[in-house]
Amino acid sequence: MNKGKILIIDDSPTVIAISQHVLEEAQYIVVTAINGSQGLAKARNQKPNLIILDIILPDLDGYKILELLKGDPQTSAIPVVVYTSLGSGTFSEIALERGAAGFLSKPFKEEDLIKTVERYIKIK
């Protein structure tokens, strides 16, 4: 039995592979995107229960993606957890101001990823 669908938007194949493995082991369905444009399209098409979004991406930064997700009726209700290696502080404040549900610093512990997902995922 799956616990919901999670979209990971990150340009690091390593981060995607680790996150995907951890989340699939915890019975989540994982969809991935390697840039913002692909992530926006998959958010609209796949209708995930939660999005995990990196801030630094090659095409659109995570803040812009967050604005677009929250401004689109198809995706505005999906909770978004922002994660980045830039640290917390200003970056997390900006993300929360723009509609992020939560923030996770990279590198993260597997249990922190699971706890964060469990806190914010909404299954309809």
PDB file of N, CA and C in Angstrom:
ATOM      1  N   MET A   1       0.837  -1.176   0.000  1.00  0.00           N
ATOM      2  CA  MET A   1       0.000   0.000   0.000  1.00  0.00           C
ATOM      3  C   MET A   1       0.887   1.248   0.000  1.00  0.00           C
ATOM      4  N   ASN A   2       0.650   2.137  -0.957  1.00  0.00           N
ATOM      5  CA  ASN A   2       1.471   3.338  -0.988  1.00  0.00           C
ATOM      6  C   ASN A   2       0.873   4.420  -0.096  1.00  0.00           C
ATOM      7  N   LYS A   3       1.758   5.282   0.387  1.00  0.00           N
ATOM      8  CA  LYS A   3       1.367   6.338   1.319  1.00  0.00           C
ATOM      9  C   LYS A   3       1.110   7.665   0.626  1.00  0.00           C
ATOM     10  N   GLY A   4       1.251   7.701  -0.695  1.00  0.00           N
ATOM     11  CA  GLY A   4       1.055   8.937  -1.442  1.00  0.00           C
ATOM     12  C   GLY A   4       2.145   9.123  -2.477  1.00  0.00           C
ATOM     13  N   LYS A   5       1.956  10.131  -3.306  1.00  0.00           N
ATOM     14  CA  LYS A   5       2.893  10.411  -4.391  1.00  0.00           C
ATOM     15  C   LYS A   5       3.672  11.682  -4.088  1.00  0.00           C
ATOM     16  N   ILE A   6       4.988  11.599  -4.257  1.00  0.00           N
ATOM     17  CA  ILE A   6       5.869  12.726  -3.991  1.00  0.00           C
ATOM     18  C   ILE A   6       6.637  13.070  -5.257  1.00  0.00           C
ATOM     19  N   LEU A   7       6.660  14.349  -5.591  1.00  0.00           N
ATOM     20  CA  LEU A   7       7.456  14.848  -6.709  1.00  0.00           C
ATOM     21  C   LEU A   7       8.708  15.501  -6.142  1.00  0.00           C
ATOM     22  N   ILE A   8       9.877  15.040  -6.594  1.00  0.00           N
ATOM     23  CA  ILE A   8      11.156  15.638  -6.208  1.00  0.00           C
ATOM     24  C   ILE A   8      11.676  16.432  -7.401  1.00  0.00           C
ATOM     25  N   ILE A   9      11.926  17.720  -7.206  1.00  0.00           N
ATOM     26  CA  ILE A   9      12.486  18.575  -8.251  1.00  0.00           C
ATOM     27  C   ILE A   9      13.885  18.971  -7.799  1.00  0.00           C
ATOM     28  N   ASP A  10      14.901  18.376  -8.419  1.00  0.00           N
ATOM     29  CA  ASP A  10      16.297  18.616  -8.045  1.00  0.00           C
ATOM     30  C   ASP A  10      17.178  18.291  -9.237  1.00  0.00           C
ATOM     31  N   ASP A  11      18.234  19.066  -9.447  1.00  0.00           N
ATOM     32  CA  ASP A  11      19.124  18.825 -10.584  1.00  0.00           C
ATOM     33  C   ASP A  11      20.287  17.894 -10.254  1.00  0.00           C
ATOM     34  N   SER A  12      20.357  17.404  -9.016  1.00  0.00           N
ATOM     35  CA  SER A  12      21.426  16.488  -8.626  1.00  0.00           C
ATOM     36  C   SER A  12      20.947  15.043  -8.723  1.00  0.00           C
ATOM     37  N   PRO A  13      21.522  14.269  -9.652  1.00  0.00           N
ATOM     38  CA  PRO A  13      21.129  12.861  -9.766  1.00  0.00           C
ATOM     39  C   PRO A  13      21.377  12.090  -8.464  1.00  0.00           C
ATOM     40  N   THR A  14      22.417  12.455  -7.729  1.00  0.00           N
ATOM     41  CA  THR A  14      22.727  11.772  -6.473  1.00  0.00           C
ATOM     42  C   THR A  14      21.656  12.039  -5.432  1.00  0.00           C
ATOM     43  N   VAL A  15      21.276  13.304  -5.276  1.00  0.00           N
ATOM     44  CA  VAL A  15      20.241  13.656  -4.296  1.00  0.00           C
ATOM     45  C   VAL A  15      18.921  12.998  -4.670  1.00  0.00           C
ATOM     46  N   ILE A  16      18.590  13.013  -5.956  1.00  0.00           N
ATOM     47  CA  ILE A  16      17.353  12.371  -6.407  1.00  0.00           C
ATOM     48  C   ILE A  16      17.390  10.875  -6.089  1.00  0.00           C
ATOM     49  N   ALA A  17      18.500  10.215  -6.416  1.00  0.00           N
ATOM     50  CA  ALA A  17      18.598   8.764  -6.199  1.00  0.00           C
ATOM     51  C   ALA A  17      18.468   8.407  -4.724  1.00  0.00           C
ATOM     52  N   ILE A  18      19.148   9.150  -3.856  1.00  0.00           N
ATOM     53  CA  ILE A  18      19.081   8.871  -2.415  1.00  0.00           C
ATOM     54  C   ILE A  18      17.674   9.127  -1.892  1.00  0.00           C
ATOM     55  N   SER A  19      17.123  10.281  -2.225  1.00  0.00           N
ATOM     56  CA  SER A  19      15.777  10.639  -1.748  1.00  0.00           C
ATOM     57  C   SER A  19      14.740   9.642  -2.246  1.00  0.00           C
ATOM     58  N   GLN A  20      14.839   9.287  -3.534  1.00  0.00           N
ATOM     59  CA  GLN A  20      13.886   8.351  -4.118  1.00  0.00           C
ATOM     60  C   GLN A  20      13.962   7.002  -3.411  1.00  0.00           C
ATOM     61  N   HIS A  21      15.169   6.526  -3.177  1.00  0.00           N
ATOM     62  CA  HIS A  21      15.345   5.230  -2.509  1.00  0.00           C
ATOM     63  C   HIS A  21      14.721   5.252  -1.106  1.00  0.00           C
ATOM     64  N   VAL A  22      15.045   6.284  -0.335  1.00  0.00           N
ATOM     65  CA  VAL A  22      14.534   6.395   1.032  1.00  0.00           C
ATOM     66  C   VAL A  22      13.006   6.439   1.032  1.00  0.00           C
ATOM     67  N   LEU A  23      12.441   7.248   0.162  1.00  0.00           N
ATOM     68  CA  LEU A  23      10.985   7.411   0.134  1.00  0.00           C
ATOM     69  C   LEU A  23      10.269   6.181  -0.406  1.00  0.00           C
ATOM     70  N   GLU A  24      10.834   5.524  -1.399  1.00  0.00           N
ATOM     71  CA  GLU A  24      10.213   4.298  -1.914  1.00  0.00           C
ATOM     72  C   GLU A  24      10.275   3.181  -0.879  1.00  0.00           C
ATOM     73  N   GLU A  25      11.361   3.119  -0.118  1.00  0.00           N
ATOM     74  CA  GLU A  25      11.451   2.139   0.969  1.00  0.00           C
ATOM     75  C   GLU A  25      10.361   2.384   2.007  1.00  0.00           C
ATOM     76  N   ALA A  26       9.966   3.649   2.154  1.00  0.00           N
ATOM     77  CA  ALA A  26       8.912   4.013   3.113  1.00  0.00           C
ATOM     78  C   ALA A  26       7.521   3.936   2.490  1.00  0.00           C
ATOM     79  N   GLN A  27       7.417   3.325   1.305  1.00  0.00           N
ATOM     80  CA  GLN A  27       6.141   3.058   0.628  1.00  0.00           C
ATOM     81  C   GLN A  27       5.501   4.262  -0.061  1.00  0.00           C
ATOM     82  N   TYR A  28       6.319   5.252  -0.458  1.00  0.00           N
ATOM     83  CA  TYR A  28       5.796   6.369  -1.241  1.00  0.00           C
ATOM     84  C   TYR A  28       6.080   6.126  -2.716  1.00  0.00           C
ATOM     85  N   ILE A  29       5.219   6.638  -3.578  1.00  0.00           N
ATOM     86  CA  ILE A  29       5.475   6.654  -5.013  1.00  0.00           C
ATOM     87  C   ILE A  29       6.260   7.931  -5.277  1.00  0.00           C
ATOM     88  N   VAL A  30       7.357   7.824  -6.004  1.00  0.00           N
ATOM     89  CA  VAL A  30       8.210   8.984  -6.242  1.00  0.00           C
ATOM     90  C   VAL A  30       8.300   9.282  -7.731  1.00  0.00           C
ATOM     91  N   VAL A  31       8.055  10.537  -8.067  1.00  0.00           N
ATOM     92  CA  VAL A  31       8.208  11.055  -9.423  1.00  0.00           C
ATOM     93  C   VAL A  31       9.314  12.097  -9.334  1.00  0.00           C
ATOM     94  N   THR A  32      10.180  12.155 -10.355  1.00  0.00           N
ATOM     95  CA  THR A  32      11.300  13.092 -10.278  1.00  0.00           C
ATOM     96  C   THR A  32      11.353  14.013 -11.496  1.00  0.00           C
ATOM     97  N   ALA A  33      11.977  15.174 -11.268  1.00  0.00           N
ATOM     98  CA  ALA A  33      12.202  16.144 -12.329  1.00  0.00           C
ATOM     99  C   ALA A  33      13.577  16.767 -12.094  1.00  0.00           C
ATOM    100  N   ILE A  34      14.335  16.989 -13.189  1.00  0.00           N
ATOM    101  CA  ILE A  34      15.699  17.495 -13.043  1.00  0.00           C
ATOM    102  C   ILE A  34      15.833  19.005 -13.267  1.00  0.00           C
ATOM    103  N   ASN A  35      14.713  19.669 -13.557  1.00  0.00           N
ATOM    104  CA  ASN A  35      14.738  21.126 -13.674  1.00  0.00           C
ATOM    105  C   ASN A  35      13.344  21.680 -13.383  1.00  0.00           C
ATOM    106  N   GLY A  36      13.258  22.988 -13.311  1.00  0.00           N
ATOM    107  CA  GLY A  36      12.006  23.624 -12.941  1.00  0.00           C
ATOM    108  C   GLY A  36      10.891  23.441 -13.943  1.00  0.00           C
ATOM    109  N   SER A  37      11.209  23.572 -15.216  1.00  0.00           N
ATOM    110  CA  SER A  37      10.181  23.425 -16.251  1.00  0.00           C
ATOM    111  C   SER A  37       9.570  22.031 -16.226  1.00  0.00           C
ATOM    112  N   GLN A  38      10.434  21.031 -16.126  1.00  0.00           N
ATOM    113  CA  GLN A  38       9.957  19.649 -16.055  1.00  0.00           C
ATOM    114  C   GLN A  38       9.152  19.433 -14.773  1.00  0.00           C
ATOM    115  N   GLY A  39       9.600  20.036 -13.683  1.00  0.00           N
ATOM    116  CA  GLY A  39       8.904  19.909 -12.411  1.00  0.00           C
ATOM    117  C   GLY A  39       7.510  20.510 -12.444  1.00  0.00           C
ATOM    118  N   LEU A  40       7.379  21.690 -13.060  1.00  0.00           N
ATOM    119  CA  LEU A  40       6.059  22.323 -13.177  1.00  0.00           C
ATOM    120  C   LEU A  40       5.104  21.450 -13.982  1.00  0.00           C
ATOM    121  N   ALA A  41       5.601  20.911 -15.099  1.00  0.00           N
ATOM    122  CA  ALA A  41       4.765  20.055 -15.946  1.00  0.00           C
ATOM    123  C   ALA A  41       4.335  18.800 -15.184  1.00  0.00           C
ATOM    124  N   LYS A  42       5.273  18.174 -14.463  1.00  0.00           N
ATOM    125  CA  LYS A  42       4.935  16.955 -13.720  1.00  0.00           C
ATOM    126  C   LYS A  42       4.003  17.250 -12.551  1.00  0.00           C
ATOM    127  N   ALA A  43       4.139  18.425 -11.939  1.00  0.00           N
ATOM    128  CA  ALA A  43       3.223  18.786 -10.846  1.00  0.00           C
ATOM    129  C   ALA A  43       1.797  18.863 -11.371  1.00  0.00           C
ATOM    130  N   ARG A  44       1.628  19.432 -12.565  1.00  0.00           N
ATOM    131  CA  ARG A  44       0.286  19.555 -13.148  1.00  0.00           C
ATOM    132  C   ARG A  44      -0.252  18.201 -13.620  1.00  0.00           C
ATOM    133  N   ASN A  45       0.606  17.394 -14.222  1.00  0.00           N
ATOM    134  CA  ASN A  45       0.175  16.125 -14.813  1.00  0.00           C
ATOM    135  C   ASN A  45       0.059  14.984 -13.802  1.00  0.00           C
ATOM    136  N   GLN A  46       0.972  14.926 -12.861  1.00  0.00           N
ATOM    137  CA  GLN A  46       1.034  13.798 -11.931  1.00  0.00           C
ATOM    138  C   GLN A  46       0.200  13.996 -10.667  1.00  0.00           C
ATOM    139  N   LYS A  47      -0.134  15.240 -10.353  1.00  0.00           N
ATOM    140  CA  LYS A  47      -0.922  15.567  -9.148  1.00  0.00           C
ATOM    141  C   LYS A  47      -0.349  14.898  -7.892  1.00  0.00           C
ATOM    142  N   PRO A  48       0.897  15.238  -7.529  1.00  0.00           N
ATOM    143  CA  PRO A  48       1.486  14.629  -6.336  1.00  0.00           C
ATOM    144  C   PRO A  48       0.817  15.129  -5.054  1.00  0.00           C
ATOM    145  N   ASN A  49       1.000  14.385  -3.977  1.00  0.00           N
ATOM    146  CA  ASN A  49       0.481  14.785  -2.668  1.00  0.00           C
ATOM    147  C   ASN A  49       1.431  15.751  -1.962  1.00  0.00           C
ATOM    148  N   LEU A  50       2.698  15.771  -2.420  1.00  0.00           N
ATOM    149  CA  LEU A  50       3.719  16.628  -1.833  1.00  0.00           C
ATOM    150  C   LEU A  50       4.811  16.862  -2.873  1.00  0.00           C
ATOM    151  N   ILE A  51       5.398  18.062  -2.857  1.00  0.00           N
ATOM    152  CA  ILE A  51       6.528  18.379  -3.731  1.00  0.00           C
ATOM    153  C   ILE A  51       7.717  18.729  -2.858  1.00  0.00           C
ATOM    154  N   ILE A  52       8.873  18.136  -3.176  1.00  0.00           N
ATOM    155  CA  ILE A  52      10.130  18.493  -2.535  1.00  0.00           C
ATOM    156  C   ILE A  52      10.933  19.243  -3.597  1.00  0.00           C
ATOM    157  N   LEU A  53      11.282  20.472  -3.298  1.00  0.00           N
ATOM    158  CA  LEU A  53      11.820  21.400  -4.294  1.00  0.00           C
ATOM    159  C   LEU A  53      13.167  21.964  -3.871  1.00  0.00           C
ATOM    160  N   ASP A  54      14.163  21.815  -4.745  1.00  0.00           N
ATOM    161  CA  ASP A  54      15.472  22.431  -4.529  1.00  0.00           C
ATOM    162  C   ASP A  54      15.384  23.910  -4.920  1.00  0.00           C
ATOM    163  N   ILE A  55      16.181  24.752  -4.285  1.00  0.00           N
ATOM    164  CA  ILE A  55      16.190  26.179  -4.609  1.00  0.00           C
ATOM    165  C   ILE A  55      17.036  26.462  -5.856  1.00  0.00           C
ATOM    166  N   ILE A  56      18.222  25.857  -5.921  1.00  0.00           N
ATOM    167  CA  ILE A  56      19.144  26.137  -7.025  1.00  0.00           C
ATOM    168  C   ILE A  56      18.928  25.112  -8.136  1.00  0.00           C
ATOM    169  N   LEU A  57      18.372  25.579  -9.249  1.00  0.00           N
ATOM    170  CA  LEU A  57      18.099  24.726 -10.409  1.00  0.00           C
ATOM    171  C   LEU A  57      18.615  25.426 -11.666  1.00  0.00           C
ATOM    172  N   PRO A  58      18.867  24.675 -12.737  1.00  0.00           N
ATOM    173  CA  PRO A  58      19.494  25.264 -13.920  1.00  0.00           C
ATOM    174  C   PRO A  58      18.627  26.231 -14.728  1.00  0.00           C
ATOM    175  N   ASP A  59      17.314  26.091 -14.696  1.00  0.00           N
ATOM    176  CA  ASP A  59      16.497  26.963 -15.548  1.00  0.00           C
ATOM    177  C   ASP A  59      15.738  28.008 -14.736  1.00  0.00           C
ATOM    178  N   LEU A  60      14.868  27.583 -13.875  1.00  0.00           N
ATOM    179  CA  LEU A  60      14.114  28.483 -12.996  1.00  0.00           C
ATOM    180  C   LEU A  60      14.550  28.206 -11.565  1.00  0.00           C
ATOM    181  N   ASP A  61      14.724  29.247 -10.753  1.00  0.00           N
ATOM    182  CA  ASP A  61      15.089  28.936  -9.368  1.00  0.00           C
ATOM    183  C   ASP A  61      13.857  28.470  -8.605  1.00  0.00           C
ATOM    184  N   GLY A  62      14.108  27.842  -7.474  1.00  0.00           N
ATOM    185  CA  GLY A  62      13.032  27.257  -6.689  1.00  0.00           C
ATOM    186  C   GLY A  62      11.998  28.266  -6.221  1.00  0.00           C
ATOM    187  N   TYR A  63      12.431  29.506  -5.962  1.00  0.00           N
ATOM    188  CA  TYR A  63      11.480  30.535  -5.534  1.00  0.00           C
ATOM    189  C   TYR A  63      10.471  30.842  -6.645  1.00  0.00           C
ATOM    190  N   LYS A  64      10.958  30.934  -7.875  1.00  0.00           N
ATOM    191  CA  LYS A  64      10.067  31.206  -9.009  1.00  0.00           C
ATOM    192  C   LYS A  64       9.108  30.028  -9.211  1.00  0.00           C
ATOM    193  N   ILE A  65       9.633  28.823  -9.109  1.00  0.00           N
ATOM    194  CA  ILE A  65       8.790  27.629  -9.253  1.00  0.00           C
ATOM    195  C   ILE A  65       7.714  27.624  -8.173  1.00  0.00           C
ATOM    196  N   LEU A  66       8.104  27.967  -6.959  1.00  0.00           N
ATOM    197  CA  LEU A  66       7.151  28.028  -5.854  1.00  0.00           C
ATOM    198  C   LEU A  66       6.042  29.037  -6.143  1.00  0.00           C
ATOM    199  N   GLU A  67       6.414  30.203  -6.637  1.00  0.00           N
ATOM    200  CA  GLU A  67       5.421  31.218  -7.006  1.00  0.00           C
ATOM    201  C   GLU A  67       4.461  30.698  -8.078  1.00  0.00           C
ATOM    202  N   LEU A  68       5.027  30.031  -9.095  1.00  0.00           N
ATOM    203  CA  LEU A  68       4.195  29.501 -10.177  1.00  0.00           C
ATOM    204  C   LEU A  68       3.271  28.394  -9.688  1.00  0.00           C
ATOM    205  N   LEU A  69       3.782  27.516  -8.823  1.00  0.00           N
ATOM    206  CA  LEU A  69       2.954  26.442  -8.265  1.00  0.00           C
ATOM    207  C   LEU A  69       1.811  27.008  -7.426  1.00  0.00           C
ATOM    208  N   LYS A  70       2.112  27.973  -6.583  1.00  0.00           N
ATOM    209  CA  LYS A  70       1.095  28.533  -5.689  1.00  0.00           C
ATOM    210  C   LYS A  70       0.120  29.444  -6.428  1.00  0.00           C
ATOM    211  N   GLY A  71       0.511  29.952  -7.593  1.00  0.00           N
ATOM    212  CA  GLY A  71      -0.366  30.805  -8.379  1.00  0.00           C
ATOM    213  C   GLY A  71      -1.243  30.052  -9.366  1.00  0.00           C
ATOM    214  N   ASP A  72      -1.067  28.743  -9.463  1.00  0.00           N
ATOM    215  CA  ASP A  72      -1.807  27.913 -10.410  1.00  0.00           C
ATOM    216  C   ASP A  72      -2.879  27.122  -9.658  1.00  0.00           C
ATOM    217  N   PRO A  73      -4.152  27.293 -10.015  1.00  0.00           N
ATOM    218  CA  PRO A  73      -5.220  26.560  -9.313  1.00  0.00           C
ATOM    219  C   PRO A  73      -5.038  25.034  -9.324  1.00  0.00           C
ATOM    220  N   GLN A  74      -4.349  24.508 -10.356  1.00  0.00           N
ATOM    221  CA  GLN A  74      -4.138  23.055 -10.434  1.00  0.00           C
ATOM    222  C   GLN A  74      -3.138  22.561  -9.385  1.00  0.00           C
ATOM    223  N   THR A  75      -2.233  23.436  -8.942  1.00  0.00           N
ATOM    224  CA  THR A  75      -1.157  22.998  -8.049  1.00  0.00           C
ATOM    225  C   THR A  75      -1.084  23.777  -6.734  1.00  0.00           C
ATOM    226  N   SER A  76      -1.911  24.781  -6.563  1.00  0.00           N
ATOM    227  CA  SER A  76      -1.780  25.668  -5.402  1.00  0.00           C
ATOM    228  C   SER A  76      -1.988  24.973  -4.058  1.00  0.00           C
ATOM    229  N   ALA A  77      -2.774  23.914  -4.022  1.00  0.00           N
ATOM    230  CA  ALA A  77      -3.055  23.228  -2.754  1.00  0.00           C
ATOM    231  C   ALA A  77      -2.008  22.170  -2.390  1.00  0.00           C
ATOM    232  N   ILE A  78      -1.087  21.879  -3.298  1.00  0.00           N
ATOM    233  CA  ILE A  78      -0.067  20.858  -3.020  1.00  0.00           C
ATOM    234  C   ILE A  78       0.988  21.457  -2.087  1.00  0.00           C
ATOM    235  N   PRO A  79       1.222  20.826  -0.929  1.00  0.00           N
ATOM    236  CA  PRO A  79       2.268  21.354  -0.045  1.00  0.00           C
ATOM    237  C   PRO A  79       3.653  21.177  -0.682  1.00  0.00           C
ATOM    238  N   VAL A  80       4.502  22.192  -0.485  1.00  0.00           N
ATOM    239  CA  VAL A  80       5.853  22.173  -1.041  1.00  0.00           C
ATOM    240  C   VAL A  80       6.850  22.305   0.104  1.00  0.00           C
ATOM    241  N   VAL A  81       7.780  21.360   0.177  1.00  0.00           N
ATOM    242  CA  VAL A  81       8.890  21.434   1.121  1.00  0.00           C
ATOM    243  C   VAL A  81      10.116  21.819   0.307  1.00  0.00           C
ATOM    244  N   VAL A  82      10.733  22.919   0.698  1.00  0.00           N
ATOM    245  CA  VAL A  82      11.924  23.398   0.002  1.00  0.00           C
ATOM    246  C   VAL A  82      13.137  22.823   0.708  1.00  0.00           C
ATOM    247  N   TYR A  83      14.094  22.339  -0.083  1.00  0.00           N
ATOM    248  CA  TYR A  83      15.352  21.908   0.520  1.00  0.00           C
ATOM    249  C   TYR A  83      16.520  22.418  -0.284  1.00  0.00           C
ATOM    250  N   THR A  84      17.591  22.757   0.459  1.00  0.00           N
ATOM    251  CA  THR A  84      18.752  23.335  -0.190  1.00  0.00           C
ATOM    252  C   THR A  84      19.980  23.148   0.681  1.00  0.00           C
ATOM    253  N   SER A  85      21.122  23.205   0.048  1.00  0.00           N
ATOM    254  CA  SER A  85      22.393  23.135   0.777  1.00  0.00           C
ATOM    255  C   SER A  85      22.850  24.532   1.186  1.00  0.00           C
ATOM    256  N   LEU A  86      22.071  25.555   0.857  1.00  0.00           N
ATOM    257  CA  LEU A  86      22.437  26.932   1.179  1.00  0.00           C
ATOM    258  C   LEU A  86      22.245  27.260   2.652  1.00  0.00           C
ATOM    259  N   GLY A  87      21.646  26.365   3.403  1.00  0.00           N
ATOM    260  CA  GLY A  87      21.402  26.614   4.817  1.00  0.00           C
ATOM    261  C   GLY A  87      20.029  27.209   5.045  1.00  0.00           C
ATOM    262  N   SER A  88      19.720  27.420   6.307  1.00  0.00           N
ATOM    263  CA  SER A  88      18.401  27.978   6.617  1.00  0.00           C
ATOM    264  C   SER A  88      18.514  29.492   6.723  1.00  0.00           C
ATOM    265  N   GLY A  89      17.741  30.097   7.596  1.00  0.00           N
ATOM    266  CA  GLY A  89      17.798  31.549   7.737  1.00  0.00           C
ATOM    267  C   GLY A  89      17.024  32.240   6.643  1.00  0.00           C
ATOM    268  N   THR A  90      17.683  33.144   5.939  1.00  0.00           N
ATOM    269  CA  THR A  90      17.035  33.946   4.903  1.00  0.00           C
ATOM    270  C   THR A  90      16.369  33.086   3.841  1.00  0.00           C
ATOM    271  N   PHE A  91      17.031  32.020   3.429  1.00  0.00           N
ATOM    272  CA  PHE A  91      16.490  31.171   2.367  1.00  0.00           C
ATOM    273  C   PHE A  91      15.171  30.519   2.779  1.00  0.00           C
ATOM    274  N   SER A  92      15.119  30.022   4.015  1.00  0.00           N
ATOM    275  CA  SER A  92      13.877  29.400   4.470  1.00  0.00           C
ATOM    276  C   SER A  92      12.784  30.443   4.665  1.00  0.00           C
ATOM    277  N   GLU A  93      13.150  31.632   5.152  1.00  0.00           N
ATOM    278  CA  GLU A  93      12.158  32.702   5.334  1.00  0.00           C
ATOM    279  C   GLU A  93      11.520  33.099   4.002  1.00  0.00           C
ATOM    280  N   ILE A  94      12.352  33.256   2.981  1.00  0.00           N
ATOM    281  CA  ILE A  94      11.831  33.616   1.647  1.00  0.00           C
ATOM    282  C   ILE A  94      10.904  32.522   1.137  1.00  0.00           C
ATOM    283  N   ALA A  95      11.322  31.265   1.287  1.00  0.00           N
ATOM    284  CA  ALA A  95      10.504  30.146   0.811  1.00  0.00           C
ATOM    285  C   ALA A  95       9.156  30.110   1.530  1.00  0.00           C
ATOM    286  N   LEU A  96       9.170  30.311   2.838  1.00  0.00           N
ATOM    287  CA  LEU A  96       7.922  30.289   3.599  1.00  0.00           C
ATOM    288  C   LEU A  96       7.026  31.467   3.220  1.00  0.00           C
ATOM    289  N   GLU A  97       7.620  32.636   2.981  1.00  0.00           N
ATOM    290  CA  GLU A  97       6.850  33.805   2.542  1.00  0.00           C
ATOM    291  C   GLU A  97       6.175  33.557   1.203  1.00  0.00           C
ATOM    292  N   ARG A  98       6.806  32.749   0.370  1.00  0.00           N
ATOM    293  CA  ARG A  98       6.254  32.487  -0.963  1.00  0.00           C
ATOM    294  C   ARG A  98       5.351  31.266  -1.002  1.00  0.00           C
ATOM    295  N   GLY A  99       5.050  30.685   0.139  1.00  0.00           N
ATOM    296  CA  GLY A  99       4.061  29.621   0.173  1.00  0.00           C
ATOM    297  C   GLY A  99       4.553  28.228   0.492  1.00  0.00           C
ATOM    298  N   ALA A 100       5.839  28.059   0.778  1.00  0.00           N
ATOM    299  CA  ALA A 100       6.335  26.725   1.130  1.00  0.00           C
ATOM    300  C   ALA A 100       5.722  26.285   2.451  1.00  0.00           C
ATOM    301  N   ALA A 101       5.445  24.995   2.554  1.00  0.00           N
ATOM    302  CA  ALA A 101       4.909  24.436   3.793  1.00  0.00           C
ATOM    303  C   ALA A 101       6.023  24.236   4.813  1.00  0.00           C
ATOM    304  N   GLY A 102       7.220  23.895   4.323  1.00  0.00           N
ATOM    305  CA  GLY A 102       8.328  23.607   5.222  1.00  0.00           C
ATOM    306  C   GLY A 102       9.662  23.720   4.532  1.00  0.00           C
ATOM    307  N   PHE A 103      10.714  23.456   5.297  1.00  0.00           N
ATOM    308  CA  PHE A 103      12.082  23.619   4.825  1.00  0.00           C
ATOM    309  C   PHE A 103      12.928  22.479   5.376  1.00  0.00           C
ATOM    310  N   LEU A 104      13.844  21.975   4.551  1.00  0.00           N
ATOM    311  CA  LEU A 104      14.757  20.908   4.956  1.00  0.00           C
ATOM    312  C   LEU A 104      16.137  21.253   4.417  1.00  0.00           C
ATOM    313  N   SER A 105      17.149  21.222   5.277  1.00  0.00           N
ATOM    314  CA  SER A 105      18.517  21.524   4.837  1.00  0.00           C
ATOM    315  C   SER A 105      19.186  20.279   4.280  1.00  0.00           C
ATOM    316  N   LYS A 106      19.991  20.473   3.238  1.00  0.00           N
ATOM    317  CA  LYS A 106      20.816  19.391   2.700  1.00  0.00           C
ATOM    318  C   LYS A 106      22.233  19.599   3.213  1.00  0.00           C
ATOM    319  N   PRO A 107      22.986  18.567   3.516  1.00  0.00           N
ATOM    320  CA  PRO A 107      22.547  17.170   3.473  1.00  0.00           C
ATOM    321  C   PRO A 107      21.588  16.884   4.635  1.00  0.00           C
ATOM    322  N   PHE A 108      20.717  15.915   4.420  1.00  0.00           N
ATOM    323  CA  PHE A 108      19.731  15.576   5.435  1.00  0.00           C
ATOM    324  C   PHE A 108      19.901  14.115   5.828  1.00  0.00           C
ATOM    325  N   LYS A 109      19.439  13.800   7.019  1.00  0.00           N
ATOM    326  CA  LYS A 109      19.428  12.417   7.468  1.00  0.00           C
ATOM    327  C   LYS A 109      18.163  11.771   6.913  1.00  0.00           C
ATOM    328  N   GLU A 110      18.237  10.481   6.638  1.00  0.00           N
ATOM    329  CA  GLU A 110      17.083   9.762   6.094  1.00  0.00           C
ATOM    330  C   GLU A 110      15.849   9.943   6.973  1.00  0.00           C
ATOM    331  N   GLU A 111      16.037   9.843   8.289  1.00  0.00           N
ATOM    332  CA  GLU A 111      14.889   9.962   9.184  1.00  0.00           C
ATOM    333  C   GLU A 111      14.291  11.372   9.166  1.00  0.00           C
ATOM    334  N   ASP A 112      15.137  12.388   8.932  1.00  0.00           N
ATOM    335  CA  ASP A 112      14.616  13.758   8.828  1.00  0.00           C
ATOM    336  C   ASP A 112      13.766  13.925   7.578  1.00  0.00           C
ATOM    337  N   LEU A 113      14.179  13.299   6.495  1.00  0.00           N
ATOM    338  CA  LEU A 113      13.396  13.355   5.256  1.00  0.00           C
ATOM    339  C   LEU A 113      12.027  12.706   5.476  1.00  0.00           C
ATOM    340  N   ILE A 114      12.020  11.531   6.068  1.00  0.00           N
ATOM    341  CA  ILE A 114      10.757  10.820   6.314  1.00  0.00           C
ATOM    342  C   ILE A 114       9.855  11.622   7.254  1.00  0.00           C
ATOM    343  N   LYS A 115      10.417  12.136   8.336  1.00  0.00           N
ATOM    344  CA  LYS A 115       9.618  12.921   9.291  1.00  0.00           C
ATOM    345  C   LYS A 115       9.019  14.162   8.620  1.00  0.00           C
ATOM    346  N   THR A 116       9.803  14.815   7.795  1.00  0.00           N
ATOM    347  CA  THR A 116       9.328  16.014   7.103  1.00  0.00           C
ATOM    348  C   THR A 116       8.199  15.666   6.145  1.00  0.00           C
ATOM    349  N   VAL A 117       8.374  14.604   5.382  1.00  0.00           N
ATOM    350  CA  VAL A 117       7.343  14.169   4.440  1.00  0.00           C
ATOM    351  C   VAL A 117       6.068  13.814   5.197  1.00  0.00           C
ATOM    352  N   GLU A 118       6.195  13.054   6.265  1.00  0.00           N
ATOM    353  CA  GLU A 118       5.019  12.647   7.040  1.00  0.00           C
ATOM    354  C   GLU A 118       4.290  13.850   7.638  1.00  0.00           C
ATOM    355  N   ARG A 119       5.037  14.891   7.969  1.00  0.00           N
ATOM    356  CA  ARG A 119       4.420  16.089   8.557  1.00  0.00           C
ATOM    357  C   ARG A 119       3.576  16.836   7.540  1.00  0.00           C
ATOM    358  N   TYR A 120       3.988  16.843   6.285  1.00  0.00           N
ATOM    359  CA  TYR A 120       3.344  17.718   5.305  1.00  0.00           C
ATOM    360  C   TYR A 120       2.509  17.026   4.240  1.00  0.00           C
ATOM    361  N   ILE A 121       2.657  15.732   4.076  1.00  0.00           N
ATOM    362  CA  ILE A 121       1.926  15.068   2.991  1.00  0.00           C
ATOM    363  C   ILE A 121       0.423  15.030   3.311  1.00  0.00           C
ATOM    364  N   LYS A 122      -0.341  15.286   2.293  1.00  0.00           N
ATOM    365  CA  LYS A 122      -1.793  15.246   2.430  1.00  0.00           C
ATOM    366  C   LYS A 122      -2.328  14.272   1.394  1.00  0.00           C
ATOM    367  N   ILE A 123      -2.968  13.230   1.849  1.00  0.00           N
ATOM    368  CA  ILE A 123      -3.548  12.262   0.922  1.00  0.00           C
ATOM    369  C   ILE A 123      -5.051  12.483   0.882  1.00  0.00           C
ATOM    370  N   LYS A 124      -5.548  12.636  -0.326  1.00  0.00           N
ATOM    371  CA  LYS A 124      -6.991  12.910  -0.491  1.00  0.00           C
ATOM    372  C   LYS A 124      -7.743  11.617  -0.672  1.00  0.00           C
TER     373      LYS A 124
END
